[in-house]
Amino acid sequence: MASWADFATAEPSLAADIRAIICQYGPGLGYLATVRPDGGPRIHPVSPVVTAAGLFCFVLPSPKRHDLDRDGRYSLHSFPSEDSDDEAYLSGRAALVTAPGLIAHLATLMRAAAGVDWRLYELSVDVAMLVRGSARTVWKDHPPPLPRARENGPCTKAVDSVQ
């Protein structure tokens, strides 16, 4: 899983465009999808924090926090723009941040209230997608593996010849 910094290094233009859409209204705005205990999706409005160091989210006690603690998979979709149909999408895993210095820095940066029971999560990036009009750009941390011959039924010999 790539950190935001890894993704931004690999695809600086795409990362900058995605960050611009997420932060189009100033603070980051988006919808966070998590996985409920029964496997279904759950959607929450959030204010993600995008810095050079990473992609983060402060989360109060809520079903979304329970989902992230139990099953860190997430998807983040940008808040709709008033001016276009452009959209950004990220997915990966959320990990609880425990580094006191980073927590304090981001809490100050985002004016997170002291004494509130929030937790900070870092969101890794497995997939990043930007849609502008009819153009779609997709980045994946790990490309899907080539199909193996035994998975291709009658085409086994043809697939074996190219692998």
C-alpha atoms as a PDB file:
ATOM      1  CA  MET A   1       0.000   0.000   0.000  1.00  0.00           C
ATOM      2  CA  ALA A   2       1.298   3.393  -0.967  1.00  0.00           C
ATOM      3  CA  SER A   3       1.254   6.388   1.311  1.00  0.00           C
ATOM      4  CA  TRP A   4      -0.035   9.664  -0.112  1.00  0.00           C
ATOM      5  CA  ALA A   5       3.606  10.790  -0.353  1.00  0.00           C
ATOM      6  CA  ASP A   6       4.503   7.650  -2.353  1.00  0.00           C
ATOM      7  CA  PHE A   7       1.552   8.218  -4.678  1.00  0.00           C
ATOM      8  CA  ALA A   8       2.381  11.931  -5.085  1.00  0.00           C
ATOM      9  CA  THR A   9       5.990  11.027  -5.938  1.00  0.00           C
ATOM     10  CA  ALA A  10       4.873   8.436  -8.496  1.00  0.00           C
ATOM     11  CA  GLU A  11       2.169  10.636 -10.061  1.00  0.00           C
ATOM     12  CA  PRO A  12       2.718  14.281  -9.020  1.00  0.00           C
ATOM     13  CA  SER A  13       0.304  15.822 -11.546  1.00  0.00           C
ATOM     14  CA  LEU A  14      -2.507  13.390 -10.750  1.00  0.00           C
ATOM     15  CA  ALA A  15      -1.972  13.835  -6.992  1.00  0.00           C
ATOM     16  CA  ALA A  16      -2.052  17.635  -7.352  1.00  0.00           C
ATOM     17  CA  ASP A  17      -5.275  17.483  -9.384  1.00  0.00           C
ATOM     18  CA  ILE A  18      -6.933  15.143  -6.876  1.00  0.00           C
ATOM     19  CA  ARG A  19      -5.832  17.334  -3.967  1.00  0.00           C
ATOM     20  CA  ALA A  20      -7.232  20.412  -5.740  1.00  0.00           C
ATOM     21  CA  ILE A  21     -10.635  18.756  -6.145  1.00  0.00           C
ATOM     22  CA  ILE A  22     -10.741  17.459  -2.564  1.00  0.00           C
ATOM     23  CA  CYS A  23      -9.751  20.902  -1.245  1.00  0.00           C
ATOM     24  CA  GLN A  24     -11.734  22.975  -3.777  1.00  0.00           C
ATOM     25  CA  TYR A  25     -13.672  24.745  -0.985  1.00  0.00           C
ATOM     26  CA  GLY A  26     -10.660  25.329   1.289  1.00  0.00           C
ATOM     27  CA  PRO A  27     -10.677  22.477   3.793  1.00  0.00           C
ATOM     28  CA  GLY A  28     -10.888  18.982   2.375  1.00  0.00           C
ATOM     29  CA  LEU A  29     -14.422  17.729   1.792  1.00  0.00           C
ATOM     30  CA  GLY A  30     -15.532  14.302   0.720  1.00  0.00           C
ATOM     31  CA  TYR A  31     -17.524  11.183   1.399  1.00  0.00           C
ATOM     32  CA  LEU A  32     -15.838   8.317   3.198  1.00  0.00           C
ATOM     33  CA  ALA A  33     -17.126   4.820   2.520  1.00  0.00           C
ATOM     34  CA  THR A  34     -16.329   2.157   5.107  1.00  0.00           C
ATOM     35  CA  VAL A  35     -17.296  -1.491   5.509  1.00  0.00           C
ATOM     36  CA  ARG A  36     -20.056  -2.325   8.014  1.00  0.00           C
ATOM     37  CA  PRO A  37     -19.742  -5.497  10.137  1.00  0.00           C
ATOM     38  CA  ASP A  38     -22.194  -7.269   7.796  1.00  0.00           C
ATOM     39  CA  GLY A  39     -19.967  -6.414   4.808  1.00  0.00           C
ATOM     40  CA  GLY A  40     -22.202  -3.685   3.411  1.00  0.00           C
ATOM     41  CA  PRO A  41     -21.034  -0.152   2.646  1.00  0.00           C
ATOM     42  CA  ARG A  42     -21.484   2.836   4.938  1.00  0.00           C
ATOM     43  CA  ILE A  43     -21.041   6.438   3.708  1.00  0.00           C
ATOM     44  CA  HIS A  44     -19.993   9.421   5.853  1.00  0.00           C
ATOM     45  CA  PRO A  45     -19.190  13.061   5.096  1.00  0.00           C
ATOM     46  CA  VAL A  46     -15.632  13.871   6.198  1.00  0.00           C
ATOM     47  CA  SER A  47     -13.009  16.577   6.014  1.00  0.00           C
ATOM     48  CA  PRO A  48      -9.811  14.824   4.898  1.00  0.00           C
ATOM     49  CA  VAL A  49      -6.460  16.485   5.533  1.00  0.00           C
ATOM     50  CA  VAL A  50      -4.050  16.365   2.577  1.00  0.00           C
ATOM     51  CA  THR A  51      -0.452  17.362   3.314  1.00  0.00           C
ATOM     52  CA  ALA A  52       2.906  16.566   1.760  1.00  0.00           C
ATOM     53  CA  ALA A  53       3.326  14.013   4.561  1.00  0.00           C
ATOM     54  CA  GLY A  54       0.117  12.120   3.915  1.00  0.00           C
ATOM     55  CA  LEU A  55      -3.637  11.848   3.607  1.00  0.00           C
ATOM     56  CA  PHE A  56      -5.346  11.935   6.999  1.00  0.00           C
ATOM     57  CA  CYS A  57      -8.775  12.067   8.586  1.00  0.00           C
ATOM     58  CA  PHE A  58      -9.846  13.008  12.118  1.00  0.00           C
ATOM     59  CA  VAL A  59     -12.706  10.746  13.229  1.00  0.00           C
ATOM     60  CA  LEU A  60     -15.014  11.181  16.224  1.00  0.00           C
ATOM     61  CA  PRO A  61     -16.666   8.214  17.992  1.00  0.00           C
ATOM     62  CA  SER A  62     -19.106   6.944  15.382  1.00  0.00           C
ATOM     63  CA  PRO A  63     -19.991   3.937  13.254  1.00  0.00           C
ATOM     64  CA  LYS A  64     -17.325   5.016  10.731  1.00  0.00           C
ATOM     65  CA  ARG A  65     -14.648   4.937  13.444  1.00  0.00           C
ATOM     66  CA  HIS A  66     -15.772   1.485  14.546  1.00  0.00           C
ATOM     67  CA  ASP A  67     -15.651   0.363  10.906  1.00  0.00           C
ATOM     68  CA  LEU A  68     -12.111   1.726  10.440  1.00  0.00           C
ATOM     69  CA  ASP A  69     -10.903   0.119  13.683  1.00  0.00           C
ATOM     70  CA  ARG A  70     -12.396  -3.248  12.746  1.00  0.00           C
ATOM     71  CA  ASP A  71     -11.752  -3.264   8.986  1.00  0.00           C
ATOM     72  CA  GLY A  72      -9.536  -0.469   7.696  1.00  0.00           C
ATOM     73  CA  ARG A  73     -10.736  -0.560   4.092  1.00  0.00           C
ATOM     74  CA  TYR A  74     -12.045   2.760   2.834  1.00  0.00           C
ATOM     75  CA  SER A  75     -13.011   4.666  -0.285  1.00  0.00           C
ATOM     76  CA  LEU A  76     -13.015   8.456  -0.424  1.00  0.00           C
ATOM     77  CA  HIS A  77     -14.978  10.393  -3.017  1.00  0.00           C
ATOM     78  CA  SER A  78     -14.654  14.136  -3.486  1.00  0.00           C
ATOM     79  CA  PHE A  79     -17.467  16.509  -2.626  1.00  0.00           C
ATOM     80  CA  PRO A  80     -19.318  17.599  -5.795  1.00  0.00           C
ATOM     81  CA  SER A  81     -18.149  20.767  -7.495  1.00  0.00           C
ATOM     82  CA  GLU A  82     -20.550  23.605  -8.252  1.00  0.00           C
ATOM     83  CA  ASP A  83     -18.713  24.414 -11.499  1.00  0.00           C
ATOM     84  CA  SER A  84     -18.052  21.043 -13.159  1.00  0.00           C
ATOM     85  CA  ASP A  85     -18.596  17.310 -13.058  1.00  0.00           C
ATOM     86  CA  ASP A  86     -14.930  16.711 -12.137  1.00  0.00           C
ATOM     87  CA  GLU A  87     -14.478  14.153  -9.408  1.00  0.00           C
ATOM     88  CA  ALA A  88     -11.742  12.396  -7.488  1.00  0.00           C
ATOM     89  CA  TYR A  89     -11.733   8.976  -5.870  1.00  0.00           C
ATOM     90  CA  LEU A  90      -9.214   7.226  -3.612  1.00  0.00           C
ATOM     91  CA  SER A  91      -9.290   3.843  -1.924  1.00  0.00           C
ATOM     92  CA  GLY A  92      -6.998   1.902   0.347  1.00  0.00           C
ATOM     93  CA  ARG A  93      -6.659   1.236   4.062  1.00  0.00           C
ATOM     94  CA  ALA A  94      -6.885   3.477   7.100  1.00  0.00           C
ATOM     95  CA  ALA A  95      -4.354   3.098   9.911  1.00  0.00           C
ATOM     96  CA  LEU A  96      -4.566   4.703  13.333  1.00  0.00           C
ATOM     97  CA  VAL A  97      -1.847   7.332  13.792  1.00  0.00           C
ATOM     98  CA  THR A  98      -0.030   7.015  17.123  1.00  0.00           C
ATOM     99  CA  ALA A  99       2.903   9.419  16.638  1.00  0.00           C
ATOM    100  CA  PRO A 100       2.305  12.225  19.182  1.00  0.00           C
ATOM    101  CA  GLY A 101       4.261  14.845  17.208  1.00  0.00           C
ATOM    102  CA  LEU A 102       2.322  14.227  13.987  1.00  0.00           C
ATOM    103  CA  ILE A 103      -0.992  14.171  15.832  1.00  0.00           C
ATOM    104  CA  ALA A 104      -0.187  17.466  17.583  1.00  0.00           C
ATOM    105  CA  HIS A 105       0.999  19.098  14.340  1.00  0.00           C
ATOM    106  CA  LEU A 106      -2.116  18.139  12.369  1.00  0.00           C
ATOM    107  CA  ALA A 107      -4.429  18.977  15.279  1.00  0.00           C
ATOM    108  CA  THR A 108      -2.941  22.482  15.385  1.00  0.00           C
ATOM    109  CA  LEU A 109      -3.023  22.816  11.600  1.00  0.00           C
ATOM    110  CA  MET A 110      -6.680  21.784  11.415  1.00  0.00           C
ATOM    111  CA  ARG A 111      -7.729  23.437  14.699  1.00  0.00           C
ATOM    112  CA  ALA A 112      -8.900  20.112  16.114  1.00  0.00           C
ATOM    113  CA  ALA A 113     -10.346  20.812  19.535  1.00  0.00           C
ATOM    114  CA  ALA A 114      -8.402  19.544  22.529  1.00  0.00           C
ATOM    115  CA  GLY A 115     -10.319  17.300  24.892  1.00  0.00           C
ATOM    116  CA  VAL A 116     -12.523  15.881  22.129  1.00  0.00           C
ATOM    117  CA  ASP A 117     -12.476  12.123  21.647  1.00  0.00           C
ATOM    118  CA  TRP A 118     -11.218  12.105  18.068  1.00  0.00           C
ATOM    119  CA  ARG A 119      -8.653   9.790  16.528  1.00  0.00           C
ATOM    120  CA  LEU A 120      -6.389  10.489  13.589  1.00  0.00           C
ATOM    121  CA  TYR A 121      -6.151   7.981  10.751  1.00  0.00           C
ATOM    122  CA  GLU A 122      -3.731   7.935   7.844  1.00  0.00           C
ATOM    123  CA  LEU A 123      -5.278   6.761   4.578  1.00  0.00           C
ATOM    124  CA  SER A 124      -3.056   4.743   2.253  1.00  0.00           C
ATOM    125  CA  VAL A 125      -3.660   4.878  -1.490  1.00  0.00           C
ATOM    126  CA  ASP A 126      -4.200   1.663  -3.437  1.00  0.00           C
ATOM    127  CA  VAL A 127      -6.269   3.266  -6.197  1.00  0.00           C
ATOM    128  CA  ALA A 128      -6.564   6.900  -7.258  1.00  0.00           C
ATOM    129  CA  MET A 129      -8.932   8.098  -9.948  1.00  0.00           C
ATOM    130  CA  LEU A 130      -9.596  11.500 -11.472  1.00  0.00           C
ATOM    131  CA  VAL A 131     -12.506  12.169 -13.818  1.00  0.00           C
ATOM    132  CA  ARG A 132     -12.590  15.380 -15.861  1.00  0.00           C
ATOM    133  CA  GLY A 133     -15.455  15.421 -18.338  1.00  0.00           C
ATOM    134  CA  SER A 134     -15.231  12.147 -20.227  1.00  0.00           C
ATOM    135  CA  ALA A 135     -11.516  11.641 -19.454  1.00  0.00           C
ATOM    136  CA  ARG A 136     -10.648   9.224 -16.675  1.00  0.00           C
ATOM    137  CA  THR A 137      -7.174   8.738 -15.193  1.00  0.00           C
ATOM    138  CA  VAL A 138      -6.590   5.772 -12.897  1.00  0.00           C
ATOM    139  CA  TRP A 139      -3.478   4.926 -10.873  1.00  0.00           C
ATOM    140  CA  LYS A 140      -3.087   1.644  -9.006  1.00  0.00           C
ATOM    141  CA  ASP A 141      -0.378   0.882  -6.480  1.00  0.00           C
ATOM    142  CA  HIS A 142      -0.105  -2.719  -7.677  1.00  0.00           C
ATOM    143  CA  PRO A 143      -1.315  -3.635 -11.151  1.00  0.00           C
ATOM    144  CA  PRO A 144      -3.508  -6.723 -11.266  1.00  0.00           C
ATOM    145  CA  PRO A 145      -1.608  -9.951 -11.921  1.00  0.00           C
ATOM    146  CA  LEU A 146      -1.728 -11.538 -15.353  1.00  0.00           C
ATOM    147  CA  PRO A 147      -4.324 -14.290 -15.579  1.00  0.00           C
ATOM    148  CA  ARG A 148      -2.900 -17.749 -15.065  1.00  0.00           C
ATOM    149  CA  ALA A 149      -3.508 -20.454 -17.660  1.00  0.00           C
ATOM    150  CA  ARG A 150      -5.655 -22.572 -15.355  1.00  0.00           C
ATOM    151  CA  GLU A 151      -8.060 -19.620 -14.971  1.00  0.00           C
ATOM    152  CA  ASN A 152      -8.708 -19.309 -18.691  1.00  0.00           C
ATOM    153  CA  GLY A 153     -10.459 -22.554 -19.627  1.00  0.00           C
ATOM    154  CA  PRO A 154     -10.191 -23.355 -23.350  1.00  0.00           C
ATOM    155  CA  CYS A 155      -7.581 -20.613 -23.926  1.00  0.00           C
ATOM    156  CA  THR A 156      -4.978 -22.371 -21.733  1.00  0.00           C
ATOM    157  CA  LYS A 157      -2.487 -23.109 -24.520  1.00  0.00           C
ATOM    158  CA  ALA A 158      -2.683 -19.576 -25.950  1.00  0.00           C
ATOM    159  CA  VAL A 159      -2.126 -17.976 -22.541  1.00  0.00           C
ATOM    160  CA  ASP A 160       0.737 -20.351 -21.711  1.00  0.00           C
ATOM    161  CA  SER A 161       2.480 -19.292 -24.908  1.00  0.00           C
ATOM    162  CA  VAL A 162       2.618 -15.603 -23.861  1.00  0.00           C
ATOM    163  CA  GLN A 163       3.516 -15.996 -20.193  1.00  0.00           C
END
